[in-house]
């Protein structure tokens, strides 16, 4: 069995995550959100996502996290729409997230809460609940990319 590499650096390093915005192709689009099972922000709504694995591409991480938390297999048109990395966006430490967007037909997606998600639900993109982390800023970027009113 191959030995796992250990990493030691002289300077602190940021963690990298991915977040995925799955948006319906309706006249009034909906966004798929999870209710977080664990801290930080346990019980709060958030985009599905999580930490990358060392041997994955960013897109592979996004597809894996989406599948693990919602049971949804990402559409072929998963598109990277931004990177968010303001200090303090994650109380666990310096974390940079890469955000992906996919459009889906509502009737083709049957999400199920799993892994770190206590619940999964669709919300109007223009009226989401209070969100964890900086996910309100991420949704503003999603609306901008889709050319929807802010």
N, C-alpha and C. Protein backbone atom coordinates (compact mmCIF):
# COMPACT_ATOMS: atom_id res chain seq x y z
N UNK A 1 0.85 -1.17 0.00
CA UNK A 1 0.00 0.00 0.00
C UNK A 1 0.90 1.24 0.00
N UNK A 2 0.57 2.19 -0.86
CA UNK A 2 1.35 3.42 -0.96
C UNK A 2 1.18 4.26 0.30
N UNK A 3 2.27 4.85 0.73
CA UNK A 3 2.24 5.70 1.92
C UNK A 3 1.68 7.07 1.54
N UNK A 4 0.74 7.59 2.35
CA UNK A 4 0.16 8.91 2.09
C UNK A 4 1.19 9.99 2.38
N UNK A 5 1.24 10.98 1.51
CA UNK A 5 2.18 12.08 1.68
C UNK A 5 1.76 12.97 2.85
N UNK A 6 2.74 13.44 3.60
CA UNK A 6 2.49 14.42 4.66
C UNK A 6 3.05 15.73 4.18
N UNK A 7 2.37 16.80 4.51
CA UNK A 7 2.79 18.11 4.06
C UNK A 7 3.11 19.00 5.26
N UNK A 8 4.27 19.60 5.23
CA UNK A 8 4.68 20.53 6.28
C UNK A 8 5.25 21.77 5.60
N UNK A 9 4.72 22.90 5.94
CA UNK A 9 5.14 24.15 5.32
C UNK A 9 5.56 25.14 6.39
N UNK A 10 6.46 26.03 5.99
CA UNK A 10 6.93 27.07 6.92
C UNK A 10 5.87 28.14 7.14
N UNK A 11 4.92 28.25 6.22
CA UNK A 11 3.89 29.29 6.30
C UNK A 11 2.51 28.66 6.32
N UNK A 12 1.54 29.32 6.94
CA UNK A 12 0.17 28.78 6.95
C UNK A 12 -0.38 28.65 5.54
N UNK A 13 -1.24 27.68 5.35
CA UNK A 13 -1.87 27.45 4.05
C UNK A 13 -3.39 27.51 4.22
N UNK A 14 -4.04 28.01 3.20
CA UNK A 14 -5.50 28.04 3.18
C UNK A 14 -6.04 26.67 2.77
N UNK A 15 -7.25 26.37 3.21
CA UNK A 15 -7.97 25.19 2.74
C UNK A 15 -8.74 25.57 1.50
N UNK A 16 -9.05 24.58 0.67
CA UNK A 16 -9.81 24.82 -0.57
C UNK A 16 -11.07 23.97 -0.54
N UNK A 17 -12.18 24.61 -0.86
CA UNK A 17 -13.46 23.91 -0.95
C UNK A 17 -14.09 24.19 -2.31
N UNK A 18 -15.16 23.48 -2.59
CA UNK A 18 -16.00 23.74 -3.76
C UNK A 18 -17.43 23.89 -3.27
N UNK A 19 -18.18 24.75 -3.93
CA UNK A 19 -19.61 24.89 -3.67
C UNK A 19 -20.32 24.80 -5.01
N UNK A 20 -21.53 24.23 -4.99
CA UNK A 20 -22.23 23.99 -6.23
C UNK A 20 -23.62 24.60 -6.19
N UNK A 21 -23.90 25.45 -7.18
CA UNK A 21 -25.23 26.07 -7.32
C UNK A 21 -25.98 25.31 -8.41
N UNK A 22 -27.00 24.56 -8.01
CA UNK A 22 -27.85 23.85 -8.95
C UNK A 22 -29.14 24.66 -9.07
N UNK A 23 -29.38 25.20 -10.26
CA UNK A 23 -30.48 26.14 -10.48
C UNK A 23 -31.41 25.58 -11.55
N UNK A 24 -32.72 25.66 -11.28
CA UNK A 24 -33.70 25.14 -12.24
C UNK A 24 -33.85 26.08 -13.42
N UNK A 25 -34.36 25.53 -14.51
CA UNK A 25 -34.60 26.28 -15.75
C UNK A 25 -36.05 26.75 -15.82
N UNK A 26 -36.58 27.26 -14.73
CA UNK A 26 -37.95 27.75 -14.69
C UNK A 26 -37.98 29.26 -14.90
N UNK A 27 -39.16 29.78 -15.14
CA UNK A 27 -39.30 31.23 -15.29
C UNK A 27 -38.82 31.94 -14.02
N UNK A 28 -39.20 31.39 -12.86
CA UNK A 28 -38.68 31.87 -11.58
C UNK A 28 -37.78 30.75 -11.03
N UNK A 29 -36.48 30.84 -11.33
CA UNK A 29 -35.56 29.74 -10.99
C UNK A 29 -35.50 29.45 -9.49
N UNK A 30 -35.24 28.17 -9.21
CA UNK A 30 -35.04 27.71 -7.84
C UNK A 30 -33.60 27.24 -7.68
N UNK A 31 -33.13 27.30 -6.45
CA UNK A 31 -31.77 26.87 -6.10
C UNK A 31 -31.87 25.71 -5.13
N UNK A 32 -31.03 24.71 -5.30
CA UNK A 32 -31.00 23.56 -4.40
C UNK A 32 -30.07 23.87 -3.24
N UNK A 33 -30.60 23.79 -2.02
CA UNK A 33 -29.82 24.05 -0.81
C UNK A 33 -29.89 22.86 0.14
N UNK A 34 -28.87 22.76 0.99
CA UNK A 34 -28.87 21.74 2.04
C UNK A 34 -28.96 22.43 3.40
N UNK A 35 -29.56 21.73 4.36
CA UNK A 35 -29.51 22.18 5.75
C UNK A 35 -28.32 21.45 6.37
N UNK A 36 -27.37 22.22 6.89
CA UNK A 36 -26.14 21.65 7.42
C UNK A 36 -26.40 20.80 8.66
N UNK A 37 -25.78 19.63 8.69
CA UNK A 37 -25.93 18.71 9.80
C UNK A 37 -24.92 19.02 10.91
N UNK A 38 -23.75 19.55 10.53
CA UNK A 38 -22.65 19.75 11.48
C UNK A 38 -22.24 21.21 11.56
N UNK A 39 -21.51 21.52 12.63
CA UNK A 39 -20.91 22.83 12.78
C UNK A 39 -19.76 22.97 11.78
N UNK A 40 -19.44 24.16 11.35
CA UNK A 40 -20.11 25.40 11.74
C UNK A 40 -21.45 25.56 11.01
N UNK A 41 -22.29 26.35 11.58
CA UNK A 41 -23.61 26.66 11.03
C UNK A 41 -24.55 25.47 10.98
N UNK A 42 -24.46 24.56 11.94
CA UNK A 42 -25.38 23.43 11.99
C UNK A 42 -26.82 23.95 12.00
N UNK A 43 -27.65 23.36 11.16
CA UNK A 43 -29.05 23.77 11.05
C UNK A 43 -29.31 24.88 10.06
N UNK A 44 -28.27 25.51 9.56
CA UNK A 44 -28.43 26.61 8.59
C UNK A 44 -28.44 26.05 7.17
N UNK A 45 -29.05 26.79 6.27
CA UNK A 45 -29.09 26.42 4.86
C UNK A 45 -27.81 26.88 4.18
N UNK A 46 -27.37 26.10 3.20
CA UNK A 46 -26.14 26.40 2.49
C UNK A 46 -26.15 25.72 1.12
N UNK A 47 -25.25 26.14 0.27
CA UNK A 47 -25.02 25.43 -0.98
C UNK A 47 -24.36 24.09 -0.66
N UNK A 48 -24.65 23.06 -1.44
CA UNK A 48 -23.90 21.83 -1.26
C UNK A 48 -22.43 22.07 -1.60
N UNK A 49 -21.55 21.43 -0.87
CA UNK A 49 -20.13 21.60 -1.15
C UNK A 49 -19.28 21.06 -0.03
N UNK A 50 -17.98 21.19 -0.19
CA UNK A 50 -17.06 20.72 0.84
C UNK A 50 -15.63 20.79 0.39
N UNK A 51 -14.76 20.21 1.19
CA UNK A 51 -13.32 20.25 0.97
C UNK A 51 -12.90 19.36 -0.19
N UNK A 52 -11.93 19.83 -0.95
CA UNK A 52 -11.39 19.02 -2.05
C UNK A 52 -10.51 17.91 -1.48
N UNK A 53 -10.39 16.85 -2.23
CA UNK A 53 -9.45 15.78 -1.91
C UNK A 53 -8.16 16.06 -2.68
N UNK A 54 -7.04 15.63 -2.15
CA UNK A 54 -5.74 15.95 -2.75
C UNK A 54 -5.55 15.36 -4.15
N UNK A 55 -6.26 14.29 -4.48
CA UNK A 55 -6.07 13.63 -5.77
C UNK A 55 -7.19 13.92 -6.77
N UNK A 56 -8.00 14.94 -6.52
CA UNK A 56 -9.12 15.28 -7.40
C UNK A 56 -8.88 16.62 -8.09
N UNK A 57 -9.47 16.77 -9.27
CA UNK A 57 -9.55 18.10 -9.85
C UNK A 57 -10.65 18.85 -9.11
N UNK A 58 -10.71 20.14 -9.30
CA UNK A 58 -11.77 20.93 -8.67
C UNK A 58 -13.14 20.46 -9.13
N UNK A 59 -13.30 20.21 -10.42
CA UNK A 59 -14.59 19.77 -10.94
C UNK A 59 -14.96 18.39 -10.40
N UNK A 60 -14.00 17.49 -10.29
CA UNK A 60 -14.28 16.18 -9.70
C UNK A 60 -14.74 16.33 -8.25
N UNK A 61 -14.11 17.24 -7.53
CA UNK A 61 -14.53 17.50 -6.14
C UNK A 61 -15.96 18.01 -6.09
N UNK A 62 -16.29 18.93 -6.99
CA UNK A 62 -17.64 19.49 -7.02
C UNK A 62 -18.66 18.39 -7.30
N UNK A 63 -18.38 17.56 -8.27
CA UNK A 63 -19.31 16.47 -8.60
C UNK A 63 -19.46 15.49 -7.43
N UNK A 64 -18.35 15.16 -6.78
CA UNK A 64 -18.39 14.24 -5.64
C UNK A 64 -19.19 14.83 -4.49
N UNK A 65 -18.91 16.08 -4.12
CA UNK A 65 -19.62 16.71 -3.00
C UNK A 65 -21.11 16.82 -3.28
N UNK A 66 -21.47 17.20 -4.49
CA UNK A 66 -22.89 17.29 -4.84
C UNK A 66 -23.56 15.93 -4.70
N UNK A 67 -22.92 14.90 -5.22
CA UNK A 67 -23.48 13.54 -5.15
C UNK A 67 -23.56 13.06 -3.69
N UNK A 68 -22.51 13.30 -2.90
CA UNK A 68 -22.50 12.85 -1.50
C UNK A 68 -23.58 13.53 -0.66
N UNK A 69 -23.80 14.81 -0.87
CA UNK A 69 -24.73 15.55 -0.02
C UNK A 69 -26.17 15.54 -0.50
N UNK A 70 -26.39 15.37 -1.82
CA UNK A 70 -27.75 15.47 -2.35
C UNK A 70 -28.18 14.28 -3.19
N UNK A 71 -27.26 13.40 -3.53
CA UNK A 71 -27.59 12.29 -4.42
C UNK A 71 -27.72 12.70 -5.87
N UNK A 72 -27.46 13.95 -6.18
CA UNK A 72 -27.62 14.46 -7.55
C UNK A 72 -26.31 14.27 -8.32
N UNK A 73 -26.43 13.68 -9.50
CA UNK A 73 -25.28 13.59 -10.41
C UNK A 73 -25.26 14.89 -11.21
N UNK A 74 -24.17 15.61 -11.13
CA UNK A 74 -24.08 16.93 -11.77
C UNK A 74 -24.26 16.83 -13.27
N UNK A 75 -24.91 17.83 -13.80
CA UNK A 75 -25.12 17.92 -15.24
C UNK A 75 -23.79 18.10 -15.95
N UNK A 76 -23.76 17.76 -17.22
CA UNK A 76 -22.53 17.89 -18.01
C UNK A 76 -22.09 19.35 -18.12
N UNK A 77 -23.03 20.27 -17.94
CA UNK A 77 -22.71 21.69 -18.12
C UNK A 77 -22.31 22.39 -16.82
N UNK A 78 -21.61 21.69 -15.95
CA UNK A 78 -21.11 22.28 -14.71
C UNK A 78 -20.05 23.32 -15.09
N UNK A 79 -20.29 24.58 -14.71
CA UNK A 79 -19.42 25.69 -15.12
C UNK A 79 -18.90 26.42 -13.89
N UNK A 80 -17.60 26.68 -13.88
CA UNK A 80 -16.99 27.43 -12.79
C UNK A 80 -17.35 28.91 -12.95
N UNK A 81 -17.93 29.51 -11.89
CA UNK A 81 -18.39 30.90 -12.02
C UNK A 81 -17.70 31.88 -11.08
N UNK A 82 -16.86 31.39 -10.19
CA UNK A 82 -16.19 32.34 -9.32
C UNK A 82 -15.42 31.67 -8.20
N UNK A 83 -14.60 32.48 -7.55
CA UNK A 83 -13.80 32.05 -6.42
C UNK A 83 -14.01 33.06 -5.30
N UNK A 84 -14.27 32.56 -4.10
CA UNK A 84 -14.52 33.42 -2.95
C UNK A 84 -13.52 33.06 -1.86
N UNK A 85 -12.84 34.06 -1.32
CA UNK A 85 -11.81 33.76 -0.35
C UNK A 85 -11.56 34.83 0.68
N UNK A 86 -12.57 35.65 0.97
CA UNK A 86 -12.37 36.68 1.99
C UNK A 86 -12.01 36.04 3.33
N UNK A 87 -11.04 36.62 4.04
CA UNK A 87 -10.72 36.10 5.37
C UNK A 87 -11.97 36.14 6.25
N UNK A 88 -12.17 35.12 7.03
CA UNK A 88 -13.32 35.10 7.93
C UNK A 88 -14.58 34.52 7.32
N UNK A 89 -14.56 34.10 6.06
CA UNK A 89 -15.77 33.55 5.44
C UNK A 89 -16.13 32.19 6.05
N UNK A 90 -15.13 31.53 6.66
CA UNK A 90 -15.35 30.24 7.30
C UNK A 90 -14.72 30.27 8.69
N UNK A 91 -15.50 30.07 9.75
CA UNK A 91 -14.95 30.16 11.10
C UNK A 91 -13.92 29.08 11.43
N UNK A 92 -13.79 28.05 10.61
CA UNK A 92 -12.81 26.99 10.87
C UNK A 92 -11.39 27.42 10.48
N UNK A 93 -11.28 28.48 9.72
CA UNK A 93 -9.96 28.94 9.27
C UNK A 93 -10.03 29.47 7.86
N UNK A 94 -8.90 29.90 7.36
CA UNK A 94 -8.83 30.50 6.03
C UNK A 94 -9.21 29.47 4.97
N UNK A 95 -10.31 29.72 4.29
CA UNK A 95 -10.85 28.78 3.31
C UNK A 95 -11.23 29.52 2.04
N UNK A 96 -10.75 29.02 0.94
CA UNK A 96 -11.07 29.57 -0.38
C UNK A 96 -11.99 28.57 -1.06
N UNK A 97 -13.09 29.06 -1.64
CA UNK A 97 -14.00 28.16 -2.33
C UNK A 97 -14.10 28.52 -3.80
N UNK A 98 -14.22 27.49 -4.62
CA UNK A 98 -14.43 27.62 -6.05
C UNK A 98 -15.87 27.20 -6.30
N UNK A 99 -16.63 28.07 -6.97
CA UNK A 99 -18.07 27.86 -7.13
C UNK A 99 -18.39 27.41 -8.55
N UNK A 100 -19.26 26.39 -8.62
CA UNK A 100 -19.73 25.86 -9.89
C UNK A 100 -21.24 26.07 -10.00
N UNK A 101 -21.71 26.20 -11.24
CA UNK A 101 -23.13 26.40 -11.54
C UNK A 101 -23.56 25.36 -12.56
N UNK A 102 -24.75 24.79 -12.35
CA UNK A 102 -25.38 23.92 -13.34
C UNK A 102 -26.86 24.25 -13.38
N UNK A 103 -27.41 24.23 -14.58
CA UNK A 103 -28.85 24.43 -14.77
C UNK A 103 -29.49 23.07 -14.98
N UNK A 104 -30.66 22.86 -14.38
CA UNK A 104 -31.36 21.58 -14.49
C UNK A 104 -32.85 21.83 -14.67
N UNK A 105 -33.53 20.80 -15.17
CA UNK A 105 -34.99 20.81 -15.20
C UNK A 105 -35.44 20.21 -13.88
N UNK A 106 -36.32 20.90 -13.17
CA UNK A 106 -36.75 20.48 -11.84
C UNK A 106 -37.22 19.03 -11.80
N UNK A 107 -38.00 18.62 -12.75
CA UNK A 107 -38.57 17.27 -12.73
C UNK A 107 -37.51 16.18 -12.96
N UNK A 108 -36.31 16.55 -13.43
CA UNK A 108 -35.27 15.57 -13.69
C UNK A 108 -34.34 15.35 -12.49
N UNK A 109 -34.52 16.13 -11.43
CA UNK A 109 -33.62 16.04 -10.28
C UNK A 109 -34.42 15.64 -9.04
N UNK A 110 -34.00 14.56 -8.41
CA UNK A 110 -34.66 14.06 -7.20
C UNK A 110 -33.63 14.02 -6.06
N UNK A 111 -33.36 15.17 -5.43
CA UNK A 111 -32.34 15.20 -4.38
C UNK A 111 -32.77 14.49 -3.11
N UNK A 112 -31.78 13.93 -2.41
CA UNK A 112 -31.99 13.25 -1.13
C UNK A 112 -30.86 13.68 -0.21
N UNK A 113 -31.19 14.10 1.00
CA UNK A 113 -30.17 14.53 1.96
C UNK A 113 -29.31 13.35 2.38
N UNK A 114 -27.98 13.57 2.40
CA UNK A 114 -27.04 12.54 2.82
C UNK A 114 -25.76 13.19 3.30
N UNK A 115 -24.86 12.41 3.85
CA UNK A 115 -23.55 12.85 4.31
C UNK A 115 -23.69 14.02 5.30
N UNK A 116 -23.21 15.21 4.95
CA UNK A 116 -23.25 16.37 5.84
C UNK A 116 -24.57 17.14 5.79
N UNK A 117 -25.52 16.67 4.99
CA UNK A 117 -26.79 17.37 4.83
C UNK A 117 -27.88 16.70 5.66
N UNK A 118 -28.52 17.47 6.53
CA UNK A 118 -29.64 16.96 7.33
C UNK A 118 -30.93 16.99 6.52
N UNK A 119 -30.98 17.89 5.55
CA UNK A 119 -32.19 18.10 4.74
C UNK A 119 -31.75 18.74 3.44
N UNK A 120 -32.55 18.59 2.41
CA UNK A 120 -32.29 19.23 1.12
C UNK A 120 -33.62 19.76 0.60
N UNK A 121 -33.58 20.94 -0.02
CA UNK A 121 -34.83 21.53 -0.50
C UNK A 121 -34.53 22.56 -1.58
N UNK A 122 -35.56 22.84 -2.37
CA UNK A 122 -35.50 23.87 -3.40
C UNK A 122 -36.06 25.17 -2.84
N UNK A 123 -35.43 26.29 -3.18
CA UNK A 123 -35.88 27.62 -2.77
C UNK A 123 -35.85 28.54 -3.98
N UNK A 124 -36.74 29.51 -4.00
CA UNK A 124 -36.70 30.52 -5.06
C UNK A 124 -35.34 31.20 -5.01
N UNK A 125 -34.68 31.31 -6.14
CA UNK A 125 -33.36 31.93 -6.19
C UNK A 125 -33.41 33.39 -5.75
N UNK A 126 -34.54 34.03 -5.98
CA UNK A 126 -34.66 35.45 -5.60
C UNK A 126 -35.17 35.63 -4.16
N UNK A 127 -35.42 34.54 -3.43
CA UNK A 127 -35.90 34.64 -2.04
C UNK A 127 -35.39 33.47 -1.20
N UNK A 128 -34.08 33.29 -1.11
CA UNK A 128 -33.55 32.17 -0.32
C UNK A 128 -33.68 32.45 1.17
N UNK A 129 -33.56 31.42 1.99
CA UNK A 129 -33.54 31.62 3.44
C UNK A 129 -32.20 32.25 3.84
N UNK A 130 -32.03 32.57 5.11
CA UNK A 130 -30.74 33.03 5.61
C UNK A 130 -29.73 31.91 5.38
N UNK A 131 -28.56 32.27 4.87
CA UNK A 131 -27.58 31.27 4.48
C UNK A 131 -26.32 31.28 5.33
N UNK A 132 -25.66 30.14 5.41
CA UNK A 132 -24.39 29.99 6.12
C UNK A 132 -23.25 30.61 5.31
N UNK A 133 -22.12 30.79 5.99
CA UNK A 133 -20.90 31.29 5.37
C UNK A 133 -21.19 32.60 4.61
N UNK A 134 -20.64 32.74 3.41
CA UNK A 134 -20.89 33.91 2.57
C UNK A 134 -21.77 33.52 1.38
N UNK A 135 -22.62 32.52 1.57
CA UNK A 135 -23.38 31.99 0.45
C UNK A 135 -24.38 32.98 -0.12
N UNK A 136 -24.75 34.02 0.64
CA UNK A 136 -25.58 35.08 0.05
C UNK A 136 -24.80 35.83 -1.03
N UNK A 137 -23.52 36.05 -0.83
CA UNK A 137 -22.67 36.69 -1.85
C UNK A 137 -22.52 35.78 -3.06
N UNK A 138 -22.40 34.49 -2.80
CA UNK A 138 -22.29 33.54 -3.91
C UNK A 138 -23.57 33.53 -4.73
N UNK A 139 -24.73 33.56 -4.06
CA UNK A 139 -25.99 33.59 -4.82
C UNK A 139 -26.14 34.87 -5.62
N UNK A 140 -25.61 35.98 -5.13
CA UNK A 140 -25.62 37.22 -5.91
C UNK A 140 -24.82 37.01 -7.20
N UNK A 141 -23.70 36.32 -7.10
CA UNK A 141 -22.89 36.02 -8.29
C UNK A 141 -23.64 35.09 -9.23
N UNK A 142 -24.35 34.11 -8.70
CA UNK A 142 -25.15 33.20 -9.53
C UNK A 142 -26.19 34.00 -10.31
N UNK A 143 -26.92 34.89 -9.61
CA UNK A 143 -27.94 35.70 -10.28
C UNK A 143 -27.31 36.59 -11.36
N UNK A 144 -26.14 37.12 -11.06
CA UNK A 144 -25.41 37.95 -12.04
C UNK A 144 -25.06 37.12 -13.28
N UNK A 145 -24.56 35.91 -13.09
CA UNK A 145 -24.20 35.05 -14.20
C UNK A 145 -25.42 34.67 -15.05
N UNK A 146 -26.56 34.53 -14.40
CA UNK A 146 -27.79 34.16 -15.10
C UNK A 146 -28.54 35.39 -15.61
N UNK A 147 -27.96 36.57 -15.35
CA UNK A 147 -28.56 37.85 -15.76
C UNK A 147 -29.96 38.02 -15.19
N UNK A 148 -30.08 37.70 -13.89
CA UNK A 148 -31.35 37.85 -13.17
C UNK A 148 -31.25 39.08 -12.28
N UNK A 149 -32.38 39.72 -11.95
CA UNK A 149 -32.35 40.87 -11.06
C UNK A 149 -31.75 40.49 -9.71
N UNK A 150 -31.06 41.44 -9.11
CA UNK A 150 -30.42 41.20 -7.81
C UNK A 150 -31.42 41.28 -6.71
